[in-house]
Amino acid sequence: GGRVLRLFNSVPGGLMVYAADSSERFILMYGHLDGY
């Protein structure tokens, strides 16, 4: 659980989601996505 911090696109990671967990201590990154 948590919230999206940033939808981002970069040359190495492609389409990515940066998200914070519900404690706001951790950042989770999901990369190389085909779409959101």
PDB file of all heavy atoms in Angstrom:
ATOM      1  N   GLY A   1       0.839  -1.179   0.000  1.00  0.00           N
ATOM      2  CA  GLY A   1       0.000   0.000   0.000  1.00  0.00           C
ATOM      3  C   GLY A   1       0.882   1.239   0.000  1.00  0.00           C
ATOM      4  O   GLY A   1       2.078   1.163   0.270  1.00  0.00           O
ATOM      5  N   GLY A   2       0.316   2.388  -0.297  1.00  0.00           N
ATOM      6  CA  GLY A   2       1.097   3.624  -0.316  1.00  0.00           C
ATOM      7  C   GLY A   2       0.565   4.602  -1.324  1.00  0.00           C
ATOM      8  O   GLY A   2      -0.647   4.792  -1.448  1.00  0.00           O
ATOM      9  N   ARG A   3       1.450   5.179  -2.117  1.00  0.00           N
ATOM     10  CA  ARG A   3       1.028   6.147  -3.125  1.00  0.00           C
ATOM     11  C   ARG A   3       2.085   6.269  -4.221  1.00  0.00           C
ATOM     12  O   ARG A   3       3.264   5.975  -4.000  1.00  0.00           O
ATOM     13  CB  ARG A   3       0.770   7.524  -2.515  1.00  0.00           C
ATOM     14  CG  ARG A   3       2.006   8.171  -1.880  1.00  0.00           C
ATOM     15  CD  ARG A   3       1.638   9.443  -1.124  1.00  0.00           C
ATOM     16  NE  ARG A   3       2.790  10.002  -0.409  1.00  0.00           N
ATOM     17  CZ  ARG A   3       3.595  10.929  -0.905  1.00  0.00           C
ATOM     18  NH1 ARG A   3       3.400  11.377  -2.137  1.00  0.00           N
ATOM     19  NH2 ARG A   3       4.597  11.401  -0.191  1.00  0.00           N
ATOM     20  N   VAL A   4       1.659   6.717  -5.370  1.00  0.00           N
ATOM     21  CA  VAL A   4       2.577   6.955  -6.479  1.00  0.00           C
ATOM     22  C   VAL A   4       3.337   8.250  -6.210  1.00  0.00           C
ATOM     23  O   VAL A   4       2.744   9.280  -5.912  1.00  0.00           O
ATOM     24  CB  VAL A   4       1.820   7.075  -7.821  1.00  0.00           C
ATOM     25  CG1 VAL A   4       2.781   7.464  -8.935  1.00  0.00           C
ATOM     26  CG2 VAL A   4       1.115   5.771  -8.146  1.00  0.00           C
ATOM     27  N   LEU A   5       4.642   8.171  -6.323  1.00  0.00           N
ATOM     28  CA  LEU A   5       5.461   9.372  -6.217  1.00  0.00           C
ATOM     29  C   LEU A   5       5.674  10.025  -7.571  1.00  0.00           C
ATOM     30  O   LEU A   5       5.525  11.229  -7.713  1.00  0.00           O
ATOM     31  CB  LEU A   5       6.829   9.022  -5.609  1.00  0.00           C
ATOM     32  CG  LEU A   5       6.832   8.516  -4.172  1.00  0.00           C
ATOM     33  CD1 LEU A   5       8.225   8.035  -3.792  1.00  0.00           C
ATOM     34  CD2 LEU A   5       6.362   9.606  -3.223  1.00  0.00           C
ATOM     35  N   ARG A   6       5.989   9.195  -8.577  1.00  0.00           N
ATOM     36  CA  ARG A   6       6.284   9.769  -9.889  1.00  0.00           C
ATOM     37  C   ARG A   6       6.149   8.720 -10.975  1.00  0.00           C
ATOM     38  O   ARG A   6       6.656   7.600 -10.840  1.00  0.00           O
ATOM     39  CB  ARG A   6       7.708  10.328  -9.906  1.00  0.00           C
ATOM     40  CG  ARG A   6       8.099  11.075 -11.175  1.00  0.00           C
ATOM     41  CD  ARG A   6       7.389  12.418 -11.266  1.00  0.00           C
ATOM     42  NE  ARG A   6       7.764  13.119 -12.475  1.00  0.00           N
ATOM     43  CZ  ARG A   6       8.765  14.017 -12.550  1.00  0.00           C
ATOM     44  NH1 ARG A   6       9.476  14.288 -11.479  1.00  0.00           N
ATOM     45  NH2 ARG A   6       9.034  14.628 -13.683  1.00  0.00           N
ATOM     46  N   LEU A   7       5.433   9.053 -12.044  1.00  0.00           N
ATOM     47  CA  LEU A   7       5.475   8.272 -13.274  1.00  0.00           C
ATOM     48  C   LEU A   7       6.576   8.888 -14.115  1.00  0.00           C
ATOM     49  O   LEU A   7       6.574  10.088 -14.368  1.00  0.00           O
ATOM     50  CB  LEU A   7       4.131   8.341 -14.006  1.00  0.00           C
ATOM     51  CG  LEU A   7       2.890   7.906 -13.220  1.00  0.00           C
ATOM     52  CD1 LEU A   7       1.669   7.916 -14.115  1.00  0.00           C
ATOM     53  CD2 LEU A   7       3.082   6.539 -12.588  1.00  0.00           C
ATOM     54  N   PHE A   8       7.511   8.064 -14.538  1.00  0.00           N
ATOM     55  CA  PHE A   8       8.718   8.616 -15.154  1.00  0.00           C
ATOM     56  C   PHE A   8       9.131   7.773 -16.346  1.00  0.00           C
ATOM     57  O   PHE A   8       8.860   6.576 -16.396  1.00  0.00           O
ATOM     58  CB  PHE A   8       9.848   8.649 -14.119  1.00  0.00           C
ATOM     59  CG  PHE A   8      11.033   9.485 -14.516  1.00  0.00           C
ATOM     60  CD1 PHE A   8      10.923  10.860 -14.642  1.00  0.00           C
ATOM     61  CD2 PHE A   8      12.257   8.897 -14.766  1.00  0.00           C
ATOM     62  CE1 PHE A   8      12.020  11.634 -14.996  1.00  0.00           C
ATOM     63  CE2 PHE A   8      13.361   9.653 -15.124  1.00  0.00           C
ATOM     64  CZ  PHE A   8      13.243  11.035 -15.238  1.00  0.00           C
ATOM     65  N   ASN A   9       9.785   8.426 -17.300  1.00  0.00           N
ATOM     66  CA  ASN A   9      10.311   7.722 -18.470  1.00  0.00           C
ATOM     67  C   ASN A   9      11.774   8.090 -18.626  1.00  0.00           C
ATOM     68  O   ASN A   9      12.122   9.270 -18.607  1.00  0.00           O
ATOM     69  CB  ASN A   9       9.524   8.109 -19.722  1.00  0.00           C
ATOM     70  CG  ASN A   9       9.941   7.294 -20.935  1.00  0.00           C
ATOM     71  OD1 ASN A   9      11.050   7.437 -21.435  1.00  0.00           O
ATOM     72  ND2 ASN A   9       9.061   6.449 -21.415  1.00  0.00           N
ATOM     73  N   SER A  10      12.625   7.080 -18.757  1.00  0.00           N
ATOM     74  CA  SER A  10      14.046   7.348 -18.945  1.00  0.00           C
ATOM     75  C   SER A  10      14.611   6.391 -19.982  1.00  0.00           C
ATOM     76  O   SER A  10      13.995   5.374 -20.302  1.00  0.00           O
ATOM     77  CB  SER A  10      14.809   7.186 -17.626  1.00  0.00           C
ATOM     78  OG  SER A  10      14.955   5.822 -17.289  1.00  0.00           O
ATOM     79  N   VAL A  11      15.782   6.722 -20.492  1.00  0.00           N
ATOM     80  CA  VAL A  11      16.424   5.877 -21.497  1.00  0.00           C
ATOM     81  C   VAL A  11      16.747   4.496 -20.935  1.00  0.00           C
ATOM     82  O   VAL A  11      16.454   3.481 -21.560  1.00  0.00           O
ATOM     83  CB  VAL A  11      17.695   6.561 -22.039  1.00  0.00           C
ATOM     84  CG1 VAL A  11      18.460   5.605 -22.961  1.00  0.00           C
ATOM     85  CG2 VAL A  11      17.335   7.832 -22.793  1.00  0.00           C
ATOM     86  N   PRO A  12      17.332   4.380 -19.722  1.00  0.00           N
ATOM     87  CA  PRO A  12      17.629   3.023 -19.230  1.00  0.00           C
ATOM     88  C   PRO A  12      16.411   2.284 -18.699  1.00  0.00           C
ATOM     89  O   PRO A  12      16.254   1.087 -18.941  1.00  0.00           O
ATOM     90  CB  PRO A  12      18.646   3.268 -18.109  1.00  0.00           C
ATOM     91  CG  PRO A  12      18.398   4.666 -17.669  1.00  0.00           C
ATOM     92  CD  PRO A  12      17.951   5.413 -18.885  1.00  0.00           C
ATOM     93  N   GLY A  13      15.533   2.962 -17.965  1.00  0.00           N
ATOM     94  CA  GLY A  13      14.438   2.278 -17.285  1.00  0.00           C
ATOM     95  C   GLY A  13      13.135   2.231 -18.047  1.00  0.00           C
ATOM     96  O   GLY A  13      12.218   1.505 -17.649  1.00  0.00           O
ATOM     97  N   GLY A  14      13.011   2.980 -19.139  1.00  0.00           N
ATOM     98  CA  GLY A  14      11.760   3.033 -19.883  1.00  0.00           C
ATOM     99  C   GLY A  14      10.654   3.628 -19.039  1.00  0.00           C
ATOM    100  O   GLY A  14      10.880   4.535 -18.222  1.00  0.00           O
ATOM    101  N   LEU A  15       9.437   3.142 -19.225  1.00  0.00           N
ATOM    102  CA  LEU A  15       8.310   3.606 -18.421  1.00  0.00           C
ATOM    103  C   LEU A  15       8.435   3.027 -17.014  1.00  0.00           C
ATOM    104  O   LEU A  15       8.550   1.815 -16.847  1.00  0.00           O
ATOM    105  CB  LEU A  15       6.986   3.164 -19.046  1.00  0.00           C
ATOM    106  CG  LEU A  15       6.633   3.771 -20.409  1.00  0.00           C
ATOM    107  CD1 LEU A  15       5.324   3.193 -20.917  1.00  0.00           C
ATOM    108  CD2 LEU A  15       6.546   5.280 -20.329  1.00  0.00           C
ATOM    109  N   MET A  16       8.408   3.902 -16.012  1.00  0.00           N
ATOM    110  CA  MET A  16       8.625   3.469 -14.634  1.00  0.00           C
ATOM    111  C   MET A  16       7.572   4.071 -13.713  1.00  0.00           C
ATOM    112  O   MET A  16       7.014   5.133 -13.991  1.00  0.00           O
ATOM    113  CB  MET A  16      10.011   3.902 -14.151  1.00  0.00           C
ATOM    114  CG  MET A  16      11.162   3.294 -14.928  1.00  0.00           C
ATOM    115  SD  MET A  16      12.767   3.815 -14.259  1.00  0.00           S
ATOM    116  CE  MET A  16      12.805   5.521 -14.789  1.00  0.00           C
ATOM    117  N   VAL A  17       7.339   3.375 -12.616  1.00  0.00           N
ATOM    118  CA  VAL A  17       6.531   3.889 -11.517  1.00  0.00           C
ATOM    119  C   VAL A  17       7.410   3.928 -10.280  1.00  0.00           C
ATOM    120  O   VAL A  17       7.998   2.911  -9.898  1.00  0.00           O
ATOM    121  CB  VAL A  17       5.298   3.003 -11.234  1.00  0.00           C
ATOM    122  CG1 VAL A  17       4.571   3.503  -9.976  1.00  0.00           C
ATOM    123  CG2 VAL A  17       4.346   3.000 -12.416  1.00  0.00           C
ATOM    124  N   TYR A  18       7.540   5.106  -9.680  1.00  0.00           N
ATOM    125  CA  TYR A  18       8.164   5.237  -8.372  1.00  0.00           C
ATOM    126  C   TYR A  18       7.047   5.403  -7.355  1.00  0.00           C
ATOM    127  O   TYR A  18       6.188   6.277  -7.511  1.00  0.00           O
ATOM    128  CB  TYR A  18       9.086   6.456  -8.317  1.00  0.00           C
ATOM    129  CG  TYR A  18      10.397   6.289  -9.047  1.00  0.00           C
ATOM    130  CD1 TYR A  18      10.513   6.620 -10.394  1.00  0.00           C
ATOM    131  CD2 TYR A  18      11.525   5.809  -8.392  1.00  0.00           C
ATOM    132  CE1 TYR A  18      11.720   6.488 -11.062  1.00  0.00           C
ATOM    133  CE2 TYR A  18      12.739   5.668  -9.053  1.00  0.00           C
ATOM    134  CZ  TYR A  18      12.829   6.010 -10.386  1.00  0.00           C
ATOM    135  OH  TYR A  18      14.017   5.869 -11.048  1.00  0.00           O
ATOM    136  N   ALA A  19       7.036   4.571  -6.314  1.00  0.00           N
ATOM    137  CA  ALA A  19       5.972   4.609  -5.319  1.00  0.00           C
ATOM    138  C   ALA A  19       6.556   4.560  -3.920  1.00  0.00           C
ATOM    139  O   ALA A  19       7.634   3.992  -3.700  1.00  0.00           O
ATOM    140  CB  ALA A  19       4.999   3.448  -5.527  1.00  0.00           C
ATOM    141  N   ALA A  20       5.845   5.162  -2.972  1.00  0.00           N
ATOM    142  CA  ALA A  20       6.211   5.069  -1.563  1.00  0.00           C
ATOM    143  C   ALA A  20       5.312   4.054  -0.889  1.00  0.00           C
ATOM    144  O   ALA A  20       4.129   3.921  -1.244  1.00  0.00           O
ATOM    145  CB  ALA A  20       6.068   6.434  -0.889  1.00  0.00           C
ATOM    146  N   ASP A  21       5.859   3.310   0.062  1.00  0.00           N
ATOM    147  CA  ASP A  21       5.006   2.414   0.834  1.00  0.00           C
ATOM    148  C   ASP A  21       4.209   3.247   1.837  1.00  0.00           C
ATOM    149  O   ASP A  21       4.404   4.456   1.957  1.00  0.00           O
ATOM    150  CB  ASP A  21       5.845   1.346   1.532  1.00  0.00           C
ATOM    151  CG  ASP A  21       6.520   1.869   2.787  1.00  0.00           C
ATOM    152  OD1 ASP A  21       7.055   3.005   2.745  1.00  0.00           O
ATOM    153  OD2 ASP A  21       6.513   1.169   3.810  1.00  0.00           O
ATOM    154  N   SER A  22       3.303   2.611   2.576  1.00  0.00           N
ATOM    155  CA  SER A  22       2.419   3.358   3.463  1.00  0.00           C
ATOM    156  C   SER A  22       3.140   3.967   4.664  1.00  0.00           C
ATOM    157  O   SER A  22       2.631   4.887   5.296  1.00  0.00           O
ATOM    158  CB  SER A  22       1.280   2.456   3.954  1.00  0.00           C
ATOM    159  OG  SER A  22       1.813   1.306   4.600  1.00  0.00           O
ATOM    160  N   SER A  23       4.345   3.491   4.976  1.00  0.00           N
ATOM    161  CA  SER A  23       5.108   4.081   6.074  1.00  0.00           C
ATOM    162  C   SER A  23       5.939   5.268   5.618  1.00  0.00           C
ATOM    163  O   SER A  23       6.534   5.964   6.449  1.00  0.00           O
ATOM    164  CB  SER A  23       6.036   3.030   6.691  1.00  0.00           C
ATOM    165  OG  SER A  23       7.128   2.758   5.826  1.00  0.00           O
ATOM    166  N   GLU A  24       5.999   5.479   4.308  1.00  0.00           N
ATOM    167  CA  GLU A  24       6.789   6.574   3.717  1.00  0.00           C
ATOM    168  C   GLU A  24       8.282   6.416   4.030  1.00  0.00           C
ATOM    169  O   GLU A  24       9.024   7.397   4.026  1.00  0.00           O
ATOM    170  CB  GLU A  24       6.292   7.932   4.207  1.00  0.00           C
ATOM    171  CG  GLU A  24       4.831   8.212   3.924  1.00  0.00           C
ATOM    172  CD  GLU A  24       4.597   8.923   2.588  1.00  0.00           C
ATOM    173  OE1 GLU A  24       5.297   9.902   2.302  1.00  0.00           O
ATOM    174  OE2 GLU A  24       3.706   8.481   1.844  1.00  0.00           O
ATOM    175  N   ARG A  25       8.712   5.197   4.276  1.00  0.00           N
ATOM    176  CA  ARG A  25      10.130   4.951   4.520  1.00  0.00           C
ATOM    177  C   ARG A  25      10.821   4.327   3.309  1.00  0.00           C
ATOM    178  O   ARG A  25      12.040   4.387   3.199  1.00  0.00           O
ATOM    179  CB  ARG A  25      10.309   4.011   5.716  1.00  0.00           C
ATOM    180  CG  ARG A  25       9.728   4.517   7.011  1.00  0.00           C
ATOM    181  CD  ARG A  25       9.938   3.509   8.132  1.00  0.00           C
ATOM    182  NE  ARG A  25       9.119   3.820   9.287  1.00  0.00           N
ATOM    183  CZ  ARG A  25       9.063   3.089  10.385  1.00  0.00           C
ATOM    184  NH1 ARG A  25       9.782   1.978  10.459  1.00  0.00           N
ATOM    185  NH2 ARG A  25       8.283   3.434  11.396  1.00  0.00           N
ATOM    186  N   PHE A  26      10.032   3.709   2.446  1.00  0.00           N
ATOM    187  CA  PHE A  26      10.606   2.943   1.343  1.00  0.00           C
ATOM    188  C   PHE A  26      10.086   3.451   0.005  1.00  0.00           C
ATOM    189  O   PHE A  26       8.928   3.871  -0.106  1.00  0.00           O
ATOM    190  CB  PHE A  26      10.274   1.455   1.479  1.00  0.00           C
ATOM    191  CG  PHE A  26      10.765   0.849   2.758  1.00  0.00           C
ATOM    192  CD1 PHE A  26       9.921   0.727   3.845  1.00  0.00           C
ATOM    193  CD2 PHE A  26      12.076   0.418   2.870  1.00  0.00           C
ATOM    194  CE1 PHE A  26      10.371   0.174   5.035  1.00  0.00           C
ATOM    195  CE2 PHE A  26      12.533  -0.139   4.061  1.00  0.00           C
ATOM    196  CZ  PHE A  26      11.686  -0.252   5.144  1.00  0.00           C
ATOM    197  N   ILE A  27      10.955   3.396  -0.983  1.00  0.00           N
ATOM    198  CA  ILE A  27      10.583   3.713  -2.361  1.00  0.00           C
ATOM    199  C   ILE A  27      10.662   2.425  -3.166  1.00  0.00           C
ATOM    200  O   ILE A  27      11.677   1.716  -3.129  1.00  0.00           O
ATOM    201  CB  ILE A  27      11.513   4.778  -2.962  1.00  0.00           C
ATOM    202  CG1 ILE A  27      11.351   6.105  -2.215  1.00  0.00           C
ATOM    203  CG2 ILE A  27      11.222   4.969  -4.451  1.00  0.00           C
ATOM    204  CD1 ILE A  27      12.347   7.170  -2.633  1.00  0.00           C
ATOM    205  N   LEU A  28       9.590   2.107  -3.872  1.00  0.00           N
ATOM    206  CA  LEU A  28       9.538   0.929  -4.726  1.00  0.00           C
ATOM    207  C   LEU A  28       9.496   1.389  -6.176  1.00  0.00           C
ATOM    208  O   LEU A  28       8.720   2.283  -6.526  1.00  0.00           O
ATOM    209  CB  LEU A  28       8.314   0.064  -4.405  1.00  0.00           C
ATOM    210  CG  LEU A  28       8.275  -0.536  -2.989  1.00  0.00           C
ATOM    211  CD1 LEU A  28       7.592   0.432  -2.020  1.00  0.00           C
ATOM    212  CD2 LEU A  28       7.541  -1.861  -2.982  1.00  0.00           C
ATOM    213  N   MET A  29      10.320   0.795  -7.005  1.00  0.00           N
ATOM    214  CA  MET A  29      10.392   1.193  -8.403  1.00  0.00           C
ATOM    215  C   MET A  29      10.058   0.005  -9.295  1.00  0.00           C
ATOM    216  O   MET A  29      10.589  -1.093  -9.112  1.00  0.00           O
ATOM    217  CB  MET A  29      11.776   1.737  -8.740  1.00  0.00           C
ATOM    218  CG  MET A  29      11.828   2.450 -10.097  1.00  0.00           C
ATOM    219  SD  MET A  29      12.226   1.357 -11.467  1.00  0.00           S
ATOM    220  CE  MET A  29      14.004   1.307 -11.323  1.00  0.00           C
ATOM    221  N   TYR A  30       9.163   0.235 -10.247  1.00  0.00           N
ATOM    222  CA  TYR A  30       8.737  -0.774 -11.217  1.00  0.00           C
ATOM    223  C   TYR A  30       9.156  -0.263 -12.598  1.00  0.00           C
ATOM    224  O   TYR A  30       8.658   0.776 -13.055  1.00  0.00           O
ATOM    225  CB  TYR A  30       7.230  -0.963 -11.158  1.00  0.00           C
ATOM    226  CG  TYR A  30       6.667  -1.196  -9.758  1.00  0.00           C
ATOM    227  CD1 TYR A  30       6.453  -0.128  -8.890  1.00  0.00           C
ATOM    228  CD2 TYR A  30       6.331  -2.475  -9.318  1.00  0.00           C
ATOM    229  CE1 TYR A  30       5.935  -0.323  -7.611  1.00  0.00           C
ATOM    230  CE2 TYR A  30       5.811  -2.683  -8.041  1.00  0.00           C
ATOM    231  CZ  TYR A  30       5.620  -1.602  -7.198  1.00  0.00           C
ATOM    232  OH  TYR A  30       5.098  -1.792  -5.940  1.00  0.00           O
ATOM    233  N   GLY A  31      10.072  -0.971 -13.276  1.00  0.00           N
ATOM    234  CA  GLY A  31      10.624  -0.467 -14.523  1.00  0.00           C
ATOM    235  C   GLY A  31      10.373  -1.334 -15.739  1.00  0.00           C
ATOM    236  O   GLY A  31       9.916  -2.480 -15.633  1.00  0.00           O
ATOM    237  N   HIS A  32      10.676  -0.772 -16.921  1.00  0.00           N
ATOM    238  CA  HIS A  32      10.525  -1.411 -18.242  1.00  0.00           C
ATOM    239  C   HIS A  32       9.059  -1.710 -18.566  1.00  0.00           C
ATOM    240  O   HIS A  32       8.765  -2.648 -19.315  1.00  0.00           O
ATOM    241  CB  HIS A  32      11.336  -2.704 -18.336  1.00  0.00           C
ATOM    242  CG  HIS A  32      12.802  -2.525 -18.101  1.00  0.00           C
ATOM    243  ND1 HIS A  32      13.530  -1.508 -18.681  1.00  0.00           N
ATOM    244  CD2 HIS A  32      13.683  -3.241 -17.339  1.00  0.00           C
ATOM    245  CE1 HIS A  32      14.792  -1.603 -18.294  1.00  0.00           C
ATOM    246  NE2 HIS A  32      14.911  -2.628 -17.472  1.00  0.00           N
ATOM    247  N   LEU A  33       8.128  -0.929 -18.016  1.00  0.00           N
ATOM    248  CA  LEU A  33       6.711  -1.213 -18.224  1.00  0.00           C
ATOM    249  C   LEU A  33       6.304  -0.979 -19.680  1.00  0.00           C
ATOM    250  O   LEU A  33       6.845  -0.104 -20.360  1.00  0.00           O
ATOM    251  CB  LEU A  33       5.855  -0.333 -17.315  1.00  0.00           C
ATOM    252  CG  LEU A  33       6.087  -0.471 -15.806  1.00  0.00           C
ATOM    253  CD1 LEU A  33       5.192   0.494 -15.041  1.00  0.00           C
ATOM    254  CD2 LEU A  33       5.841  -1.901 -15.360  1.00  0.00           C
ATOM    255  N   ASP A  34       5.323  -1.739 -20.122  1.00  0.00           N
ATOM    256  CA  ASP A  34       4.763  -1.553 -21.462  1.00  0.00           C
ATOM    257  C   ASP A  34       3.738  -0.428 -21.462  1.00  0.00           C
ATOM    258  O   ASP A  34       3.461   0.171 -22.499  1.00  0.00           O
ATOM    259  CB  ASP A  34       4.103  -2.854 -21.934  1.00  0.00           C
ATOM    260  CG  ASP A  34       3.849  -2.873 -23.429  1.00  0.00           C
ATOM    261  OD1 ASP A  34       4.794  -2.572 -24.179  1.00  0.00           O
ATOM    262  OD2 ASP A  34       2.721  -3.171 -23.840  1.00  0.00           O
ATOM    263  N   GLY A  35       3.173  -0.140 -20.316  1.00  0.00           N
ATOM    264  CA  GLY A  35       2.193   0.937 -20.190  1.00  0.00           C
ATOM    265  C   GLY A  35       1.713   1.020 -18.752  1.00  0.00           C
ATOM    266  O   GLY A  35       1.979   0.123 -17.938  1.00  0.00           O
ATOM    267  N   TYR A  36       1.030   2.107 -18.447  1.00  0.00           N
ATOM    268  CA  TYR A  36       0.479   2.311 -17.110  1.00  0.00           C
ATOM    269  C   TYR A  36      -0.993   1.910 -17.073  1.00  0.00           C
ATOM    270  O   TYR A  36      -1.684   1.952 -18.092  1.00  0.00           O
ATOM    271  CB  TYR A  36       0.593   3.775 -16.694  1.00  0.00           C
ATOM    272  CG  TYR A  36       2.001   4.311 -16.638  1.00  0.00           C
ATOM    273  CD1 TYR A  36       2.376   5.420 -17.395  1.00  0.00           C
ATOM    274  CD2 TYR A  36       2.953   3.716 -15.824  1.00  0.00           C
ATOM    275  CE1 TYR A  36       3.670   5.925 -17.334  1.00  0.00           C
ATOM    276  CE2 TYR A  36       4.244   4.208 -15.763  1.00  0.00           C
ATOM    277  CZ  TYR A  36       4.597   5.318 -16.512  1.00  0.00           C
ATOM    278  OH  TYR A  36       5.875   5.806 -16.455  1.00  0.00           O
TER     279      TYR A  36
END
